[in-house]
Amino acid sequence: MKALIIKENWLNLILSGKKTWEIRSSNTKKVGQKIGLIQSGSGKIYGECTIINSMPVKKEILYKNISKHQVSKEDINKLNYKHPHAWVLADVKKYKSPKNYKHLQGAVIWVNC
């Protein structure tokens, strides 16, 4: 399984069900796949979910959907992505106990678990 590296604050929002869109700089080919959710810098997988869609989004769409991605208007304006995409997450499952994984050097977005 592939696992996505996410900063702690965003991961907590995803695991709590408050964040259903992960905003990234590009499309993903992992639509329909279950992925792990890694807290950046922790060496642990905290849960899993399924990416059910990946769609290009303009800033106007981001403004209208703050409740889905939790990025503030100020931070939307600071996004430096040429072609931002919303990765739509579903079936989020938080693990009772985080699982260890080996972080290979150079892994920035995805890790093989």
PDB file of N, CA and C in Angstrom:
ATOM      1  N   MET A   1       0.850  -1.179   0.000  1.00  0.00           N
ATOM      2  CA  MET A   1       0.000   0.000   0.000  1.00  0.00           C
ATOM      3  C   MET A   1       0.892   1.238   0.000  1.00  0.00           C
ATOM      4  N   LYS A   2       0.461   2.256  -0.701  1.00  0.00           N
ATOM      5  CA  LYS A   2       1.129   3.550  -0.674  1.00  0.00           C
ATOM      6  C   LYS A   2       0.573   4.340   0.500  1.00  0.00           C
ATOM      7  N   ALA A   3       1.393   5.209   1.069  1.00  0.00           N
ATOM      8  CA  ALA A   3       0.956   6.067   2.166  1.00  0.00           C
ATOM      9  C   ALA A   3       1.376   7.504   1.858  1.00  0.00           C
ATOM     10  N   LEU A   4       0.490   8.427   2.172  1.00  0.00           N
ATOM     11  CA  LEU A   4       0.673   9.844   1.906  1.00  0.00           C
ATOM     12  C   LEU A   4       1.230  10.533   3.144  1.00  0.00           C
ATOM     13  N   ILE A   5       2.261  11.333   2.970  1.00  0.00           N
ATOM     14  CA  ILE A   5       2.859  12.089   4.068  1.00  0.00           C
ATOM     15  C   ILE A   5       2.124  13.415   4.197  1.00  0.00           C
ATOM     16  N   ILE A   6       1.627  13.695   5.416  1.00  0.00           N
ATOM     17  CA  ILE A   6       0.806  14.877   5.664  1.00  0.00           C
ATOM     18  C   ILE A   6       1.264  15.532   6.959  1.00  0.00           C
ATOM     19  N   LYS A   7       1.308  16.857   6.978  1.00  0.00           N
ATOM     20  CA  LYS A   7       1.664  17.573   8.202  1.00  0.00           C
ATOM     21  C   LYS A   7       0.614  17.316   9.277  1.00  0.00           C
ATOM     22  N   GLU A   8       1.065  17.353  10.527  1.00  0.00           N
ATOM     23  CA  GLU A   8       0.240  16.951  11.663  1.00  0.00           C
ATOM     24  C   GLU A   8      -1.114  17.653  11.727  1.00  0.00           C
ATOM     25  N   ASN A   9      -1.143  18.970  11.578  1.00  0.00           N
ATOM     26  CA  ASN A   9      -2.422  19.685  11.705  1.00  0.00           C
ATOM     27  C   ASN A   9      -3.435  19.247  10.653  1.00  0.00           C
ATOM     28  N   TRP A  10      -2.998  19.034   9.423  1.00  0.00           N
ATOM     29  CA  TRP A  10      -3.905  18.600   8.356  1.00  0.00           C
ATOM     30  C   TRP A  10      -4.333  17.152   8.573  1.00  0.00           C
ATOM     31  N   LEU A  11      -3.408  16.317   9.017  1.00  0.00           N
ATOM     32  CA  LEU A  11      -3.729  14.919   9.278  1.00  0.00           C
ATOM     33  C   LEU A  11      -4.792  14.804  10.369  1.00  0.00           C
ATOM     34  N   ASN A  12      -4.650  15.573  11.428  1.00  0.00           N
ATOM     35  CA  ASN A  12      -5.647  15.542  12.504  1.00  0.00           C
ATOM     36  C   ASN A  12      -7.035  15.925  11.994  1.00  0.00           C
ATOM     37  N   LEU A  13      -7.098  16.908  11.105  1.00  0.00           N
ATOM     38  CA  LEU A  13      -8.388  17.313  10.531  1.00  0.00           C
ATOM     39  C   LEU A  13      -8.978  16.202   9.661  1.00  0.00           C
ATOM     40  N   ILE A  14      -8.130  15.514   8.912  1.00  0.00           N
ATOM     41  CA  ILE A  14      -8.598  14.402   8.076  1.00  0.00           C
ATOM     42  C   ILE A  14      -9.122  13.272   8.971  1.00  0.00           C
ATOM     43  N   LEU A  15      -8.344  12.891   9.976  1.00  0.00           N
ATOM     44  CA  LEU A  15      -8.729  11.778  10.838  1.00  0.00           C
ATOM     45  C   LEU A  15      -9.975  12.079  11.668  1.00  0.00           C
ATOM     46  N   SER A  16     -10.237  13.364  11.914  1.00  0.00           N
ATOM     47  CA  SER A  16     -11.432  13.742  12.671  1.00  0.00           C
ATOM     48  C   SER A  16     -12.663  13.890  11.780  1.00  0.00           C
ATOM     49  N   GLY A  17     -12.473  13.794  10.464  1.00  0.00           N
ATOM     50  CA  GLY A  17     -13.588  13.916   9.526  1.00  0.00           C
ATOM     51  C   GLY A  17     -13.907  15.333   9.110  1.00  0.00           C
ATOM     52  N   LYS A  18     -13.123  16.302   9.553  1.00  0.00           N
ATOM     53  CA  LYS A  18     -13.381  17.711   9.230  1.00  0.00           C
ATOM     54  C   LYS A  18     -12.791  18.132   7.889  1.00  0.00           C
ATOM     55  N   LYS A  19     -11.841  17.370   7.382  1.00  0.00           N
ATOM     56  CA  LYS A  19     -11.173  17.706   6.118  1.00  0.00           C
ATOM     57  C   LYS A  19     -11.354  16.526   5.168  1.00  0.00           C
ATOM     58  N   THR A  20     -12.075  16.765   4.071  1.00  0.00           N
ATOM     59  CA  THR A  20     -12.326  15.694   3.103  1.00  0.00           C
ATOM     60  C   THR A  20     -11.639  15.943   1.758  1.00  0.00           C
ATOM     61  N   TRP A  21     -11.058  17.115   1.599  1.00  0.00           N
ATOM     62  CA  TRP A  21     -10.264  17.424   0.403  1.00  0.00           C
ATOM     63  C   TRP A  21      -8.833  17.685   0.834  1.00  0.00           C
ATOM     64  N   GLU A  22      -7.897  17.019   0.208  1.00  0.00           N
ATOM     65  CA  GLU A  22      -6.477  17.306   0.401  1.00  0.00           C
ATOM     66  C   GLU A  22      -6.025  18.073  -0.836  1.00  0.00           C
ATOM     67  N   ILE A  23      -5.548  19.295  -0.651  1.00  0.00           N
ATOM     68  CA  ILE A  23      -5.143  20.135  -1.778  1.00  0.00           C
ATOM     69  C   ILE A  23      -3.678  19.869  -2.090  1.00  0.00           C
ATOM     70  N   ARG A  24      -3.427  19.509  -3.329  1.00  0.00           N
ATOM     71  CA  ARG A  24      -2.074  19.196  -3.786  1.00  0.00           C
ATOM     72  C   ARG A  24      -1.792  19.930  -5.092  1.00  0.00           C
ATOM     73  N   SER A  25      -0.538  19.944  -5.488  1.00  0.00           N
ATOM     74  CA  SER A  25      -0.121  20.710  -6.665  1.00  0.00           C
ATOM     75  C   SER A  25      -0.391  19.996  -7.983  1.00  0.00           C
ATOM     76  N   SER A  26      -0.815  18.736  -7.918  1.00  0.00           N
ATOM     77  CA  SER A  26      -1.028  17.985  -9.157  1.00  0.00           C
ATOM     78  C   SER A  26      -2.076  16.898  -8.951  1.00  0.00           C
ATOM     79  N   ASN A  27      -2.450  16.290 -10.044  1.00  0.00           N
ATOM     80  CA  ASN A  27      -3.381  15.172 -10.062  1.00  0.00           C
ATOM     81  C   ASN A  27      -2.727  13.945  -9.421  1.00  0.00           C
ATOM     82  N   THR A  28      -3.537  12.967  -9.049  1.00  0.00           N
ATOM     83  CA  THR A  28      -3.004  11.681  -8.609  1.00  0.00           C
ATOM     84  C   THR A  28      -3.656  10.558  -9.409  1.00  0.00           C
ATOM     85  N   LYS A  29      -2.896   9.520  -9.651  1.00  0.00           N
ATOM     86  CA  LYS A  29      -3.415   8.345 -10.350  1.00  0.00           C
ATOM     87  C   LYS A  29      -3.947   7.307  -9.368  1.00  0.00           C
ATOM     88  N   LYS A  30      -3.993   7.663  -8.094  1.00  0.00           N
ATOM     89  CA  LYS A  30      -4.404   6.708  -7.070  1.00  0.00           C
ATOM     90  C   LYS A  30      -5.896   6.781  -6.738  1.00  0.00           C
ATOM     91  N   VAL A  31      -6.691   7.346  -7.637  1.00  0.00           N
ATOM     92  CA  VAL A  31      -8.143   7.401  -7.432  1.00  0.00           C
ATOM     93  C   VAL A  31      -8.687   5.971  -7.367  1.00  0.00           C
ATOM     94  N   GLY A  32      -9.519   5.719  -6.357  1.00  0.00           N
ATOM     95  CA  GLY A  32     -10.082   4.392  -6.154  1.00  0.00           C
ATOM     96  C   GLY A  32      -9.233   3.501  -5.272  1.00  0.00           C
ATOM     97  N   GLN A  33      -8.073   3.986  -4.862  1.00  0.00           N
ATOM     98  CA  GLN A  33      -7.157   3.175  -4.063  1.00  0.00           C
ATOM     99  C   GLN A  33      -7.193   3.568  -2.593  1.00  0.00           C
ATOM    100  N   LYS A  34      -7.000   2.567  -1.743  1.00  0.00           N
ATOM    101  CA  LYS A  34      -6.834   2.810  -0.319  1.00  0.00           C
ATOM    102  C   LYS A  34      -5.385   3.209  -0.096  1.00  0.00           C
ATOM    103  N   ILE A  35      -5.182   4.244   0.721  1.00  0.00           N
ATOM    104  CA  ILE A  35      -3.831   4.714   1.031  1.00  0.00           C
ATOM    105  C   ILE A  35      -3.672   4.854   2.539  1.00  0.00           C
ATOM    106  N   GLY A  36      -2.435   4.787   2.989  1.00  0.00           N
ATOM    107  CA  GLY A  36      -2.130   5.063   4.380  1.00  0.00           C
ATOM    108  C   GLY A  36      -1.963   6.554   4.585  1.00  0.00           C
ATOM    109  N   LEU A  37      -2.110   6.991   5.839  1.00  0.00           N
ATOM    110  CA  LEU A  37      -1.972   8.402   6.199  1.00  0.00           C
ATOM    111  C   LEU A  37      -0.861   8.535   7.232  1.00  0.00           C
ATOM    112  N   ILE A  38       0.242   9.152   6.812  1.00  0.00           N
ATOM    113  CA  ILE A  38       1.438   9.294   7.639  1.00  0.00           C
ATOM    114  C   ILE A  38       1.531  10.710   8.179  1.00  0.00           C
ATOM    115  N   GLN A  39       1.845  10.815   9.455  1.00  0.00           N
ATOM    116  CA  GLN A  39       2.145  12.133  10.017  1.00  0.00           C
ATOM    117  C   GLN A  39       3.595  12.451   9.707  1.00  0.00           C
ATOM    118  N   SER A  40       3.821  13.532   9.025  1.00  0.00           N
ATOM    119  CA  SER A  40       5.155  13.950   8.625  1.00  0.00           C
ATOM    120  C   SER A  40       6.104  13.971   9.816  1.00  0.00           C
ATOM    121  N   GLY A  41       7.260  13.348   9.641  1.00  0.00           N
ATOM    122  CA  GLY A  41       8.300  13.360  10.651  1.00  0.00           C
ATOM    123  C   GLY A  41       8.104  12.401  11.813  1.00  0.00           C
ATOM    124  N   SER A  42       7.023  11.639  11.812  1.00  0.00           N
ATOM    125  CA  SER A  42       6.715  10.780  12.962  1.00  0.00           C
ATOM    126  C   SER A  42       7.218   9.349  12.821  1.00  0.00           C
ATOM    127  N   GLY A  43       7.372   8.888  11.576  1.00  0.00           N
ATOM    128  CA  GLY A  43       7.721   7.485  11.360  1.00  0.00           C
ATOM    129  C   GLY A  43       6.551   6.555  11.594  1.00  0.00           C
ATOM    130  N   LYS A  44       5.323   7.116  11.604  1.00  0.00           N
ATOM    131  CA  LYS A  44       4.143   6.309  11.904  1.00  0.00           C
ATOM    132  C   LYS A  44       2.994   6.579  10.929  1.00  0.00           C
ATOM    133  N   ILE A  45       2.238   5.501  10.672  1.00  0.00           N
ATOM    134  CA  ILE A  45       1.011   5.593   9.881  1.00  0.00           C
ATOM    135  C   ILE A  45      -0.136   5.677  10.884  1.00  0.00           C
ATOM    136  N   TYR A  46      -0.928   6.721  10.794  1.00  0.00           N
ATOM    137  CA  TYR A  46      -1.988   6.966  11.768  1.00  0.00           C
ATOM    138  C   TYR A  46      -3.366   6.507  11.316  1.00  0.00           C
ATOM    139  N   GLY A  47      -3.504   6.205  10.035  1.00  0.00           N
ATOM    140  CA  GLY A  47      -4.791   5.749   9.551  1.00  0.00           C
ATOM    141  C   GLY A  47      -4.739   5.465   8.070  1.00  0.00           C
ATOM    142  N   GLU A  48      -5.926   5.349   7.486  1.00  0.00           N
ATOM    143  CA  GLU A  48      -6.026   5.081   6.048  1.00  0.00           C
ATOM    144  C   GLU A  48      -7.314   5.685   5.517  1.00  0.00           C
ATOM    145  N   CYS A  49      -7.375   5.799   4.207  1.00  0.00           N
ATOM    146  CA  CYS A  49      -8.577   6.296   3.538  1.00  0.00           C
ATOM    147  C   CYS A  49      -8.529   5.868   2.080  1.00  0.00           C
ATOM    148  N   THR A  50      -9.563   6.221   1.360  1.00  0.00           N
ATOM    149  CA  THR A  50      -9.619   5.969  -0.082  1.00  0.00           C
ATOM    150  C   THR A  50      -9.700   7.310  -0.790  1.00  0.00           C
ATOM    151  N   ILE A  51      -8.895   7.480  -1.824  1.00  0.00           N
ATOM    152  CA  ILE A  51      -9.005   8.671  -2.674  1.00  0.00           C
ATOM    153  C   ILE A  51     -10.092   8.364  -3.695  1.00  0.00           C
ATOM    154  N   ILE A  52     -11.207   9.077  -3.623  1.00  0.00           N
ATOM    155  CA  ILE A  52     -12.324   8.765  -4.527  1.00  0.00           C
ATOM    156  C   ILE A  52     -12.401   9.691  -5.735  1.00  0.00           C
ATOM    157  N   ASN A  53     -11.619  10.765  -5.724  1.00  0.00           N
ATOM    158  CA  ASN A  53     -11.610  11.665  -6.875  1.00  0.00           C
ATOM    159  C   ASN A  53     -10.381  12.550  -6.786  1.00  0.00           C
ATOM    160  N   SER A  54      -9.950  13.049  -7.912  1.00  0.00           N
ATOM    161  CA  SER A  54      -8.893  14.046  -8.008  1.00  0.00           C
ATOM    162  C   SER A  54      -9.329  15.011  -9.091  1.00  0.00           C
ATOM    163  N   MET A  55      -9.519  16.267  -8.698  1.00  0.00           N
ATOM    164  CA  MET A  55     -10.055  17.219  -9.674  1.00  0.00           C
ATOM    165  C   MET A  55      -9.304  18.540  -9.611  1.00  0.00           C
ATOM    166  N   PRO A  56      -9.087  19.151 -10.783  1.00  0.00           N
ATOM    167  CA  PRO A  56      -8.456  20.470 -10.779  1.00  0.00           C
ATOM    168  C   PRO A  56      -9.409  21.476 -10.136  1.00  0.00           C
ATOM    169  N   VAL A  57      -8.853  22.417  -9.367  1.00  0.00           N
ATOM    170  CA  VAL A  57      -9.675  23.434  -8.709  1.00  0.00           C
ATOM    171  C   VAL A  57      -9.034  24.800  -8.876  1.00  0.00           C
ATOM    172  N   LYS A  58      -9.874  25.762  -9.182  1.00  0.00           N
ATOM    173  CA  LYS A  58      -9.429  27.152  -9.245  1.00  0.00           C
ATOM    174  C   LYS A  58      -9.655  27.775  -7.878  1.00  0.00           C
ATOM    175  N   LYS A  59      -9.042  28.925  -7.648  1.00  0.00           N
ATOM    176  CA  LYS A  59      -9.168  29.579  -6.345  1.00  0.00           C
ATOM    177  C   LYS A  59     -10.622  29.857  -5.980  1.00  0.00           C
ATOM    178  N   GLU A  60     -11.454  30.181  -6.962  1.00  0.00           N
ATOM    179  CA  GLU A  60     -12.864  30.461  -6.680  1.00  0.00           C
ATOM    180  C   GLU A  60     -13.552  29.231  -6.076  1.00  0.00           C
ATOM    181  N   ILE A  61     -13.223  28.061  -6.585  1.00  0.00           N
ATOM    182  CA  ILE A  61     -13.786  26.816  -6.052  1.00  0.00           C
ATOM    183  C   ILE A  61     -13.259  26.560  -4.643  1.00  0.00           C
ATOM    184  N   LEU A  62     -11.985  26.847  -4.432  1.00  0.00           N
ATOM    185  CA  LEU A  62     -11.416  26.674  -3.102  1.00  0.00           C
ATOM    186  C   LEU A  62     -12.101  27.595  -2.096  1.00  0.00           C
ATOM    187  N   TYR A  63     -12.356  28.839  -2.487  1.00  0.00           N
ATOM    188  CA  TYR A  63     -13.047  29.780  -1.594  1.00  0.00           C
ATOM    189  C   TYR A  63     -14.421  29.250  -1.191  1.00  0.00           C
ATOM    190  N   LYS A  64     -15.124  28.652  -2.141  1.00  0.00           N
ATOM    191  CA  LYS A  64     -16.492  28.174  -1.882  1.00  0.00           C
ATOM    192  C   LYS A  64     -16.529  26.873  -1.082  1.00  0.00           C
ATOM    193  N   ASN A  65     -15.388  26.197  -0.953  1.00  0.00           N
ATOM    194  CA  ASN A  65     -15.355  24.885  -0.314  1.00  0.00           C
ATOM    195  C   ASN A  65     -14.379  24.802   0.856  1.00  0.00           C
ATOM    196  N   ILE A  66     -14.219  25.899   1.559  1.00  0.00           N
ATOM    197  CA  ILE A  66     -13.296  25.923   2.697  1.00  0.00           C
ATOM    198  C   ILE A  66     -13.659  24.839   3.718  1.00  0.00           C
ATOM    199  N   SER A  67     -14.932  24.572   3.894  1.00  0.00           N
ATOM    200  CA  SER A  67     -15.341  23.553   4.881  1.00  0.00           C
ATOM    201  C   SER A  67     -14.837  22.160   4.505  1.00  0.00           C
ATOM    202  N   LYS A  68     -14.533  21.941   3.227  1.00  0.00           N
ATOM    203  CA  LYS A  68     -14.049  20.624   2.796  1.00  0.00           C
ATOM    204  C   LYS A  68     -12.533  20.486   2.924  1.00  0.00           C
ATOM    205  N   HIS A  69     -11.786  21.589   2.737  1.00  0.00           N
ATOM    206  CA  HIS A  69     -10.324  21.486   2.776  1.00  0.00           C
ATOM    207  C   HIS A  69      -9.691  22.211   3.956  1.00  0.00           C
ATOM    208  N   GLN A  70     -10.429  23.089   4.628  1.00  0.00           N
ATOM    209  CA  GLN A  70      -9.977  23.762   5.852  1.00  0.00           C
ATOM    210  C   GLN A  70      -8.824  24.740   5.667  1.00  0.00           C
ATOM    211  N   VAL A  71      -8.531  25.122   4.427  1.00  0.00           N
ATOM    212  CA  VAL A  71      -7.478  26.104   4.168  1.00  0.00           C
ATOM    213  C   VAL A  71      -8.120  27.490   4.229  1.00  0.00           C
ATOM    214  N   SER A  72      -7.515  28.394   4.978  1.00  0.00           N
ATOM    215  CA  SER A  72      -8.084  29.737   5.123  1.00  0.00           C
ATOM    216  C   SER A  72      -7.990  30.513   3.809  1.00  0.00           C
ATOM    217  N   LYS A  73      -8.822  31.542   3.681  1.00  0.00           N
ATOM    218  CA  LYS A  73      -8.777  32.386   2.477  1.00  0.00           C
ATOM    219  C   LYS A  73      -7.394  32.996   2.298  1.00  0.00           C
ATOM    220  N   GLU A  74      -6.790  33.410   3.410  1.00  0.00           N
ATOM    221  CA  GLU A  74      -5.448  34.002   3.339  1.00  0.00           C
ATOM    222  C   GLU A  74      -4.441  32.997   2.791  1.00  0.00           C
ATOM    223  N   ASP A  75      -4.536  31.745   3.253  1.00  0.00           N
ATOM    224  CA  ASP A  75      -3.598  30.725   2.779  1.00  0.00           C
ATOM    225  C   ASP A  75      -3.908  30.283   1.351  1.00  0.00           C
ATOM    226  N   ILE A  76      -5.176  30.334   0.954  1.00  0.00           N
ATOM    227  CA  ILE A  76      -5.519  30.043  -0.447  1.00  0.00           C
ATOM    228  C   ILE A  76      -4.812  31.057  -1.343  1.00  0.00           C
ATOM    229  N   ASN A  77      -4.824  32.311  -0.932  1.00  0.00           N
ATOM    230  CA  ASN A  77      -4.177  33.359  -1.727  1.00  0.00           C
ATOM    231  C   ASN A  77      -2.667  33.175  -1.817  1.00  0.00           C
ATOM    232  N   LYS A  78      -2.091  32.458  -0.854  1.00  0.00           N
ATOM    233  CA  LYS A  78      -0.644  32.222  -0.851  1.00  0.00           C
ATOM    234  C   LYS A  78      -0.253  30.960  -1.622  1.00  0.00           C
ATOM    235  N   LEU A  79      -1.245  30.142  -2.015  1.00  0.00           N
ATOM    236  CA  LEU A  79      -0.924  28.910  -2.746  1.00  0.00           C
ATOM    237  C   LEU A  79      -0.138  29.239  -3.998  1.00  0.00           C
ATOM    238  N   ASN A  80       0.930  28.517  -4.191  1.00  0.00           N
ATOM    239  CA  ASN A  80       1.799  28.774  -5.325  1.00  0.00           C
ATOM    240  C   ASN A  80       1.744  27.613  -6.319  1.00  0.00           C
ATOM    241  N   TYR A  81       0.573  26.989  -6.435  1.00  0.00           N
ATOM    242  CA  TYR A  81       0.405  25.854  -7.341  1.00  0.00           C
ATOM    243  C   TYR A  81      -0.109  26.354  -8.687  1.00  0.00           C
ATOM    244  N   LYS A  82       0.537  25.925  -9.763  1.00  0.00           N
ATOM    245  CA  LYS A  82       0.055  26.299 -11.095  1.00  0.00           C
ATOM    246  C   LYS A  82      -1.292  25.656 -11.400  1.00  0.00           C
ATOM    247  N   HIS A  83      -1.435  24.387 -11.033  1.00  0.00           N
ATOM    248  CA  HIS A  83      -2.648  23.628 -11.328  1.00  0.00           C
ATOM    249  C   HIS A  83      -3.086  22.856 -10.079  1.00  0.00           C
ATOM    250  N   PRO A  84      -3.622  23.553  -9.077  1.00  0.00           N
ATOM    251  CA  PRO A  84      -4.011  22.844  -7.845  1.00  0.00           C
ATOM    252  C   PRO A  84      -5.107  21.811  -8.102  1.00  0.00           C
ATOM    253  N   HIS A  85      -5.033  20.740  -7.326  1.00  0.00           N
ATOM    254  CA  HIS A  85      -6.029  19.671  -7.394  1.00  0.00           C
ATOM    255  C   HIS A  85      -6.558  19.366  -6.004  1.00  0.00           C
ATOM    256  N   ALA A  86      -7.815  19.018  -5.940  1.00  0.00           N
ATOM    257  CA  ALA A  86      -8.416  18.528  -4.700  1.00  0.00           C
ATOM    258  C   ALA A  86      -8.479  17.016  -4.814  1.00  0.00           C
ATOM    259  N   TRP A  87      -7.817  16.344  -3.873  1.00  0.00           N
ATOM    260  CA  TRP A  87      -7.920  14.896  -3.775  1.00  0.00           C
ATOM    261  C   TRP A  87      -9.035  14.636  -2.769  1.00  0.00           C
ATOM    262  N   VAL A  88     -10.114  14.042  -3.212  1.00  0.00           N
ATOM    263  CA  VAL A  88     -11.283  13.824  -2.366  1.00  0.00           C
ATOM    264  C   VAL A  88     -11.108  12.510  -1.607  1.00  0.00           C
ATOM    265  N   LEU A  89     -11.200  12.603  -0.273  1.00  0.00           N
ATOM    266  CA  LEU A  89     -10.937  11.463   0.607  1.00  0.00           C
ATOM    267  C   LEU A  89     -12.235  10.924   1.190  1.00  0.00           C
ATOM    268  N   ALA A  90     -12.317   9.615   1.313  1.00  0.00           N
ATOM    269  CA  ALA A  90     -13.502   8.975   1.900  1.00  0.00           C
ATOM    270  C   ALA A  90     -13.047   7.746   2.691  1.00  0.00           C
ATOM    271  N   ASP A  91     -13.982   7.168   3.426  1.00  0.00           N
ATOM    272  CA  ASP A  91     -13.724   5.946   4.194  1.00  0.00           C
ATOM    273  C   ASP A  91     -12.495   6.085   5.091  1.00  0.00           C
ATOM    274  N   VAL A  92     -12.404   7.230   5.758  1.00  0.00           N
ATOM    275  CA  VAL A  92     -11.257   7.490   6.633  1.00  0.00           C
ATOM    276  C   VAL A  92     -11.355   6.610   7.873  1.00  0.00           C
ATOM    277  N   LYS A  93     -10.249   5.975   8.184  1.00  0.00           N
ATOM    278  CA  LYS A  93     -10.175   5.106   9.365  1.00  0.00           C
ATOM    279  C   LYS A  93      -8.940   5.500  10.169  1.00  0.00           C
ATOM    280  N   LYS A  94      -9.156   5.882  11.419  1.00  0.00           N
ATOM    281  CA  LYS A  94      -8.046   6.204  12.314  1.00  0.00           C
ATOM    282  C   LYS A  94      -7.652   4.930  13.062  1.00  0.00           C
ATOM    283  N   TYR A  95      -6.364   4.616  13.051  1.00  0.00           N
ATOM    284  CA  TYR A  95      -5.894   3.436  13.759  1.00  0.00           C
ATOM    285  C   TYR A  95      -5.921   3.675  15.267  1.00  0.00           C
ATOM    286  N   LYS A  96      -6.232   2.637  16.020  1.00  0.00           N
ATOM    287  CA  LYS A  96      -6.200   2.735  17.484  1.00  0.00           C
ATOM    288  C   LYS A  96      -4.781   2.997  17.959  1.00  0.00           C
ATOM    289  N   SER A  97      -3.839   2.330  17.324  1.00  0.00           N
ATOM    290  CA  SER A  97      -2.418   2.530  17.616  1.00  0.00           C
ATOM    291  C   SER A  97      -1.693   2.772  16.296  1.00  0.00           C
ATOM    292  N   PRO A  98      -0.946   3.865  16.189  1.00  0.00           N
ATOM    293  CA  PRO A  98      -0.200   4.118  14.948  1.00  0.00           C
ATOM    294  C   PRO A  98       0.763   2.977  14.635  1.00  0.00           C
ATOM    295  N   LYS A  99       0.966   2.745  13.353  1.00  0.00           N
ATOM    296  CA  LYS A  99       1.859   1.672  12.905  1.00  0.00           C
ATOM    297  C   LYS A  99       3.178   2.265  12.427  1.00  0.00           C
ATOM    298  N   ASN A 100       4.263   1.626  12.782  1.00  0.00           N
ATOM    299  CA  ASN A 100       5.589   2.065  12.332  1.00  0.00           C
ATOM    300  C   ASN A 100       5.787   1.730  10.859  1.00  0.00           C
ATOM    301  N   TYR A 101       6.614   2.503  10.206  1.00  0.00           N
ATOM    302  CA  TYR A 101       7.027   2.204   8.840  1.00  0.00           C
ATOM    303  C   TYR A 101       8.454   2.698   8.683  1.00  0.00           C
ATOM    304  N   LYS A 102       9.127   2.220   7.667  1.00  0.00           N
ATOM    305  CA  LYS A 102      10.499   2.654   7.402  1.00  0.00           C
ATOM    306  C   LYS A 102      10.460   3.746   6.344  1.00  0.00           C
ATOM    307  N   HIS A 103      10.925   4.919   6.728  1.00  0.00           N
ATOM    308  CA  HIS A 103      10.935   6.054   5.806  1.00  0.00           C
ATOM    309  C   HIS A 103      12.241   6.049   5.018  1.00  0.00           C
ATOM    310  N   LEU A 104      12.129   5.808   3.733  1.00  0.00           N
ATOM    311  CA  LEU A 104      13.310   5.794   2.882  1.00  0.00           C
ATOM    312  C   LEU A 104      13.727   7.218   2.535  1.00  0.00           C
ATOM    313  N   GLN A 105      15.014   7.429   2.440  1.00  0.00           N
ATOM    314  CA  GLN A 105      15.551   8.743   2.110  1.00  0.00           C
ATOM    315  C   GLN A 105      14.985   9.212   0.767  1.00  0.00           C
ATOM    316  N   GLY A 106      14.571  10.458   0.717  1.00  0.00           N
ATOM    317  CA  GLY A 106      14.059  11.039  -0.514  1.00  0.00           C
ATOM    318  C   GLY A 106      12.547  10.987  -0.643  1.00  0.00           C
ATOM    319  N   ALA A 107      11.871  10.228   0.208  1.00  0.00           N
ATOM    320  CA  ALA A 107      10.408  10.160   0.154  1.00  0.00           C
ATOM    321  C   ALA A 107       9.840  11.473   0.675  1.00  0.00           C
ATOM    322  N   VAL A 108       9.043  12.156  -0.156  1.00  0.00           N
ATOM    323  CA  VAL A 108       8.500  13.465   0.207  1.00  0.00           C
ATOM    324  C   VAL A 108       6.984  13.448   0.235  1.00  0.00           C
ATOM    325  N   ILE A 109       6.365  12.798  -0.733  1.00  0.00           N
ATOM    326  CA  ILE A 109       4.889  12.767  -0.819  1.00  0.00           C
ATOM    327  C   ILE A 109       4.360  11.384  -0.492  1.00  0.00           C
ATOM    328  N   TRP A 110       4.908  10.364  -1.143  1.00  0.00           N
ATOM    329  CA  TRP A 110       4.432   8.992  -0.992  1.00  0.00           C
ATOM    330  C   TRP A 110       5.501   8.089  -0.407  1.00  0.00           C
ATOM    331  N   VAL A 111       5.045   7.095   0.353  1.00  0.00           N
ATOM    332  CA  VAL A 111       5.930   6.073   0.903  1.00  0.00           C
ATOM    333  C   VAL A 111       5.300   4.719   0.600  1.00  0.00           C
ATOM    334  N   ASN A 112       6.120   3.739   0.245  1.00  0.00           N
ATOM    335  CA  ASN A 112       5.647   2.370   0.100  1.00  0.00           C
ATOM    336  C   ASN A 112       5.610   1.711   1.469  1.00  0.00           C
ATOM    337  N   CYS A 113       4.469   1.140   1.820  1.00  0.00           N
ATOM    338  CA  CYS A 113       4.347   0.475   3.125  1.00  0.00           C
ATOM    339  C   CYS A 113       4.050  -0.999   2.929  1.00  0.00           C
TER     340      CYS A 113
END
